[in-house]
PDB file of N, CA and C in Angstrom:
ATOM      1  N   MET A   1    -163.904  75.595 -34.716  1.00  0.00           N
ATOM      2  CA  MET A   1    -164.859  75.339 -35.782  1.00  0.00           C
ATOM      3  C   MET A   1    -165.885  76.463 -35.837  1.00  0.00           C
ATOM      4  N   ASP A   2    -166.285  76.783 -37.038  1.00  0.00           N
ATOM      5  CA  ASP A   2    -167.318  77.800 -37.168  1.00  0.00           C
ATOM      6  C   ASP A   2    -168.703  77.138 -37.131  1.00  0.00           C
ATOM      7  N   ASN A   3    -169.721  77.957 -37.001  1.00  0.00           N
ATOM      8  CA  ASN A   3    -171.083  77.448 -36.829  1.00  0.00           C
ATOM      9  C   ASN A   3    -171.575  76.653 -38.030  1.00  0.00           C
ATOM     10  N   THR A   4    -171.129  77.024 -39.239  1.00  0.00           N
ATOM     11  CA  THR A   4    -171.550  76.298 -40.437  1.00  0.00           C
ATOM     12  C   THR A   4    -171.022  74.867 -40.415  1.00  0.00           C
ATOM     13  N   THR A   5    -169.773  74.701 -40.036  1.00  0.00           N
ATOM     14  CA  THR A   5    -169.180  73.362 -39.955  1.00  0.00           C
ATOM     15  C   THR A   5    -169.885  72.520 -38.898  1.00  0.00           C
ATOM     16  N   ILE A   6    -170.181  73.129 -37.764  1.00  0.00           N
ATOM     17  CA  ILE A   6    -170.892  72.413 -36.700  1.00  0.00           C
ATOM     18  C   ILE A   6    -172.273  71.992 -37.186  1.00  0.00           C
ATOM     19  N   GLY A   7    -172.953  72.877 -37.915  1.00  0.00           N
ATOM     20  CA  GLY A   7    -174.272  72.556 -38.450  1.00  0.00           C
ATOM     21  C   GLY A   7    -174.240  71.411 -39.444  1.00  0.00           C
ATOM     22  N   ILE A   8    -173.247  71.407 -40.319  1.00  0.00           N
ATOM     23  CA  ILE A   8    -173.121  70.333 -41.308  1.00  0.00           C
ATOM     24  C   ILE A   8    -172.836  69.005 -40.620  1.00  0.00           C
ATOM     25  N   ILE A   9    -171.947  69.007 -39.640  1.00  0.00           N
ATOM     26  CA  ILE A   9    -171.642  67.777 -38.903  1.00  0.00           C
ATOM     27  C   ILE A   9    -172.882  67.284 -38.160  1.00  0.00           C
ATOM     28  N   GLY A  10    -173.626  68.211 -37.551  1.00  0.00           N
ATOM     29  CA  GLY A  10    -174.848  67.832 -36.844  1.00  0.00           C
ATOM     30  C   GLY A  10    -175.894  67.253 -37.779  1.00  0.00           C
ATOM     31  N   PHE A  11    -176.024  67.850 -38.967  1.00  0.00           N
ATOM     32  CA  PHE A  11    -176.983  67.351 -39.956  1.00  0.00           C
ATOM     33  C   PHE A  11    -176.619  65.949 -40.418  1.00  0.00           C
ATOM     34  N   LEU A  12    -175.336  65.725 -40.685  1.00  0.00           N
ATOM     35  CA  LEU A  12    -174.897  64.393 -41.105  1.00  0.00           C
ATOM     36  C   LEU A  12    -175.080  63.364 -39.991  1.00  0.00           C
ATOM     37  N   ALA A  13    -174.827  63.784 -38.751  1.00  0.00           N
ATOM     38  CA  ALA A  13    -175.039  62.879 -37.620  1.00  0.00           C
ATOM     39  C   ALA A  13    -176.522  62.552 -37.464  1.00  0.00           C
ATOM     40  N   MET A  14    -177.385  63.554 -37.688  1.00  0.00           N
ATOM     41  CA  MET A  14    -178.825  63.324 -37.614  1.00  0.00           C
ATOM     42  C   MET A  14    -179.269  62.339 -38.694  1.00  0.00           C
ATOM     43  N   LEU A  15    -178.753  62.487 -39.905  1.00  0.00           N
ATOM     44  CA  LEU A  15    -179.081  61.545 -40.978  1.00  0.00           C
ATOM     45  C   LEU A  15    -178.596  60.136 -40.642  1.00  0.00           C
ATOM     46  N   LEU A  16    -177.417  60.033 -40.047  1.00  0.00           N
ATOM     47  CA  LEU A  16    -176.893  58.726 -39.644  1.00  0.00           C
ATOM     48  C   LEU A  16    -177.800  58.078 -38.598  1.00  0.00           C
ATOM     49  N   LEU A  17    -178.239  58.866 -37.614  1.00  0.00           N
ATOM     50  CA  LEU A  17    -179.137  58.329 -36.599  1.00  0.00           C
ATOM     51  C   LEU A  17    -180.443  57.839 -37.217  1.00  0.00           C
ATOM     52  N   MET A  18    -180.987  58.601 -38.164  1.00  0.00           N
ATOM     53  CA  MET A  18    -182.226  58.180 -38.826  1.00  0.00           C
ATOM     54  C   MET A  18    -181.997  56.925 -39.646  1.00  0.00           C
ATOM     55  N   PHE A  19    -180.847  56.824 -40.298  1.00  0.00           N
ATOM     56  CA  PHE A  19    -180.513  55.623 -41.071  1.00  0.00           C
ATOM     57  C   PHE A  19    -180.410  54.399 -40.168  1.00  0.00           C
ATOM     58  N   LEU A  20    -179.974  54.610 -38.926  1.00  0.00           N
ATOM     59  CA  LEU A  20    -179.848  53.512 -37.969  1.00  0.00           C
ATOM     60  C   LEU A  20    -181.173  53.132 -37.314  1.00  0.00           C
ATOM     61  N   GLY A  21    -182.233  53.863 -37.649  1.00  0.00           N
ATOM     62  CA  GLY A  21    -183.548  53.498 -37.151  1.00  0.00           C
ATOM     63  C   GLY A  21    -184.075  54.327 -35.997  1.00  0.00           C
ATOM     64  N   VAL A  22    -183.348  55.376 -35.618  1.00  0.00           N
ATOM     65  CA  VAL A  22    -183.818  56.254 -34.552  1.00  0.00           C
ATOM     66  C   VAL A  22    -184.954  57.102 -35.122  1.00  0.00           C
ATOM     67  N   PRO A  23    -186.054  57.275 -34.394  1.00  0.00           N
ATOM     68  CA  PRO A  23    -187.142  58.119 -34.899  1.00  0.00           C
ATOM     69  C   PRO A  23    -186.656  59.543 -35.216  1.00  0.00           C
ATOM     70  N   ILE A  24    -187.304  60.161 -36.200  1.00  0.00           N
ATOM     71  CA  ILE A  24    -186.857  61.461 -36.696  1.00  0.00           C
ATOM     72  C   ILE A  24    -186.836  62.510 -35.583  1.00  0.00           C
ATOM     73  N   GLY A  25    -187.892  62.571 -34.773  1.00  0.00           N
ATOM     74  CA  GLY A  25    -187.952  63.569 -33.702  1.00  0.00           C
ATOM     75  C   GLY A  25    -186.849  63.398 -32.679  1.00  0.00           C
ATOM     76  N   VAL A  26    -186.544  62.160 -32.345  1.00  0.00           N
ATOM     77  CA  VAL A  26    -185.474  61.897 -31.377  1.00  0.00           C
ATOM     78  C   VAL A  26    -184.126  62.280 -31.968  1.00  0.00           C
ATOM     79  N   ALA A  27    -183.898  61.935 -33.231  1.00  0.00           N
ATOM     80  CA  ALA A  27    -182.641  62.290 -33.894  1.00  0.00           C
ATOM     81  C   ALA A  27    -182.473  63.804 -33.967  1.00  0.00           C
ATOM     82  N   MET A  28    -183.559  64.524 -34.269  1.00  0.00           N
ATOM     83  CA  MET A  28    -183.487  65.980 -34.326  1.00  0.00           C
ATOM     84  C   MET A  28    -183.244  66.567 -32.938  1.00  0.00           C
ATOM     85  N   GLY A  29    -183.872  65.982 -31.918  1.00  0.00           N
ATOM     86  CA  GLY A  29    -183.667  66.458 -30.550  1.00  0.00           C
ATOM     87  C   GLY A  29    -182.235  66.265 -30.084  1.00  0.00           C
ATOM     88  N   ILE A  30    -181.685  65.103 -30.359  1.00  0.00           N
ATOM     89  CA  ILE A  30    -180.294  64.839 -29.979  1.00  0.00           C
ATOM     90  C   ILE A  30    -179.360  65.806 -30.698  1.00  0.00           C
ATOM     91  N   GLY A  31    -179.589  65.974 -31.996  1.00  0.00           N
ATOM     92  CA  GLY A  31    -178.756  66.911 -32.755  1.00  0.00           C
ATOM     93  C   GLY A  31    -178.882  68.336 -32.258  1.00  0.00           C
ATOM     94  N   GLY A  32    -180.096  68.741 -31.899  1.00  0.00           N
ATOM     95  CA  GLY A  32    -180.313  70.088 -31.397  1.00  0.00           C
ATOM     96  C   GLY A  32    -179.645  70.328 -30.054  1.00  0.00           C
ATOM     97  N   PHE A  33    -179.795  69.380 -29.137  1.00  0.00           N
ATOM     98  CA  PHE A  33    -179.186  69.536 -27.818  1.00  0.00           C
ATOM     99  C   PHE A  33    -177.675  69.595 -27.917  1.00  0.00           C
ATOM    100  N   ILE A  34    -177.087  68.659 -28.649  1.00  0.00           N
ATOM    101  CA  ILE A  34    -175.631  68.622 -28.756  1.00  0.00           C
ATOM    102  C   ILE A  34    -175.119  69.832 -29.533  1.00  0.00           C
ATOM    103  N   GLY A  35    -175.820  70.219 -30.599  1.00  0.00           N
ATOM    104  CA  GLY A  35    -175.400  71.388 -31.359  1.00  0.00           C
ATOM    105  C   GLY A  35    -175.446  72.664 -30.536  1.00  0.00           C
ATOM    106  N   PHE A  36    -176.515  72.838 -29.762  1.00  0.00           N
ATOM    107  CA  PHE A  36    -176.620  74.011 -28.888  1.00  0.00           C
ATOM    108  C   PHE A  36    -175.482  74.027 -27.878  1.00  0.00           C
ATOM    109  N   ALA A  37    -175.176  72.863 -27.321  1.00  0.00           N
ATOM    110  CA  ALA A  37    -174.118  72.786 -26.315  1.00  0.00           C
ATOM    111  C   ALA A  37    -172.742  73.066 -26.922  1.00  0.00           C
ATOM    112  N   VAL A  38    -172.514  72.600 -28.148  1.00  0.00           N
ATOM    113  CA  VAL A  38    -171.215  72.820 -28.778  1.00  0.00           C
ATOM    114  C   VAL A  38    -171.046  74.296 -29.153  1.00  0.00           C
ATOM    115  N   VAL A  39    -172.097  74.915 -29.675  1.00  0.00           N
ATOM    116  CA  VAL A  39    -171.999  76.314 -30.088  1.00  0.00           C
ATOM    117  C   VAL A  39    -171.879  77.226 -28.869  1.00  0.00           C
ATOM    118  N   ASN A  40    -172.665  76.990 -27.838  1.00  0.00           N
ATOM    119  CA  ASN A  40    -172.638  77.847 -26.638  1.00  0.00           C
ATOM    120  C   ASN A  40    -171.743  77.213 -25.579  1.00  0.00           C
ATOM    121  N   SER A  41    -172.295  76.380 -24.739  1.00  0.00           N
ATOM    122  CA  SER A  41    -171.541  75.600 -23.763  1.00  0.00           C
ATOM    123  C   SER A  41    -172.509  74.652 -23.074  1.00  0.00           C
ATOM    124  N   TRP A  42    -171.956  73.633 -22.443  1.00  0.00           N
ATOM    125  CA  TRP A  42    -172.818  72.681 -21.738  1.00  0.00           C
ATOM    126  C   TRP A  42    -173.506  73.355 -20.559  1.00  0.00           C
ATOM    127  N   ASP A  43    -172.796  74.280 -19.904  1.00  0.00           N
ATOM    128  CA  ASP A  43    -173.400  74.996 -18.773  1.00  0.00           C
ATOM    129  C   ASP A  43    -174.608  75.817 -19.211  1.00  0.00           C
ATOM    130  N   THR A  44    -174.493  76.470 -20.358  1.00  0.00           N
ATOM    131  CA  THR A  44    -175.614  77.257 -20.877  1.00  0.00           C
ATOM    132  C   THR A  44    -176.798  76.367 -21.210  1.00  0.00           C
ATOM    133  N   LEU A  45    -176.518  75.188 -21.775  1.00  0.00           N
ATOM    134  CA  LEU A  45    -177.587  74.240 -22.091  1.00  0.00           C
ATOM    135  C   LEU A  45    -178.329  73.818 -20.828  1.00  0.00           C
ATOM    136  N   ILE A  46    -177.593  73.477 -19.797  1.00  0.00           N
ATOM    137  CA  ILE A  46    -178.219  73.030 -18.552  1.00  0.00           C
ATOM    138  C   ILE A  46    -179.013  74.163 -17.906  1.00  0.00           C
ATOM    139  N   GLU A  47    -178.447  75.378 -17.906  1.00  0.00           N
ATOM    140  CA  GLU A  47    -179.166  76.525 -17.340  1.00  0.00           C
ATOM    141  C   GLU A  47    -180.448  76.813 -18.115  1.00  0.00           C
ATOM    142  N   THR A  48    -180.398  76.686 -19.434  1.00  0.00           N
ATOM    143  CA  THR A  48    -181.583  76.919 -20.257  1.00  0.00           C
ATOM    144  C   THR A  48    -182.654  75.876 -19.965  1.00  0.00           C
ATOM    145  N   LEU A  49    -182.254  74.626 -19.854  1.00  0.00           N
ATOM    146  CA  LEU A  49    -183.223  73.569 -19.555  1.00  0.00           C
ATOM    147  C   LEU A  49    -183.840  73.760 -18.177  1.00  0.00           C
ATOM    148  N   LEU A  50    -183.035  74.138 -17.195  1.00  0.00           N
ATOM    149  CA  LEU A  50    -183.568  74.326 -15.851  1.00  0.00           C
ATOM    150  C   LEU A  50    -184.483  75.538 -15.771  1.00  0.00           C
ATOM    151  N   SER A  51    -184.126  76.619 -16.464  1.00  0.00           N
ATOM    152  CA  SER A  51    -184.958  77.809 -16.401  1.00  0.00           C
ATOM    153  C   SER A  51    -186.278  77.590 -17.139  1.00  0.00           C
ATOM    154  N   ALA A  52    -186.262  76.803 -18.199  1.00  0.00           N
ATOM    155  CA  ALA A  52    -187.505  76.494 -18.916  1.00  0.00           C
ATOM    156  C   ALA A  52    -188.419  75.629 -18.061  1.00  0.00           C
ATOM    157  N   HIS A  53    -187.830  74.793 -17.230  1.00  0.00           N
ATOM    158  CA  HIS A  53    -188.618  73.922 -16.361  1.00  0.00           C
ATOM    159  C   HIS A  53    -189.269  74.713 -15.237  1.00  0.00           C
ATOM    160  N   GLN A  54    -188.617  75.779 -14.760  1.00  0.00           N
ATOM    161  CA  GLN A  54    -189.145  76.552 -13.642  1.00  0.00           C
ATOM    162  C   GLN A  54    -190.287  77.457 -14.032  1.00  0.00           C
ATOM    163  N   GLU A  55    -190.411  77.805 -15.306  1.00  0.00           N
ATOM    164  CA  GLU A  55    -191.460  78.744 -15.726  1.00  0.00           C
ATOM    165  C   GLU A  55    -192.803  78.117 -15.830  1.00  0.00           C
TER     166      GLU A  55
END
């Protein structure tokens, strides 16, 4: 999948979460984390989170 398709799927999933009553910030956070992991990798996501915590 290309990045545009991943972005569209993430946006639709975010709208679905908001429709289900999830707060907007939480829905955006979930979409951002999963989208970053799908585009890069789960290992990169975890390394980024850990390095941000250490600074």
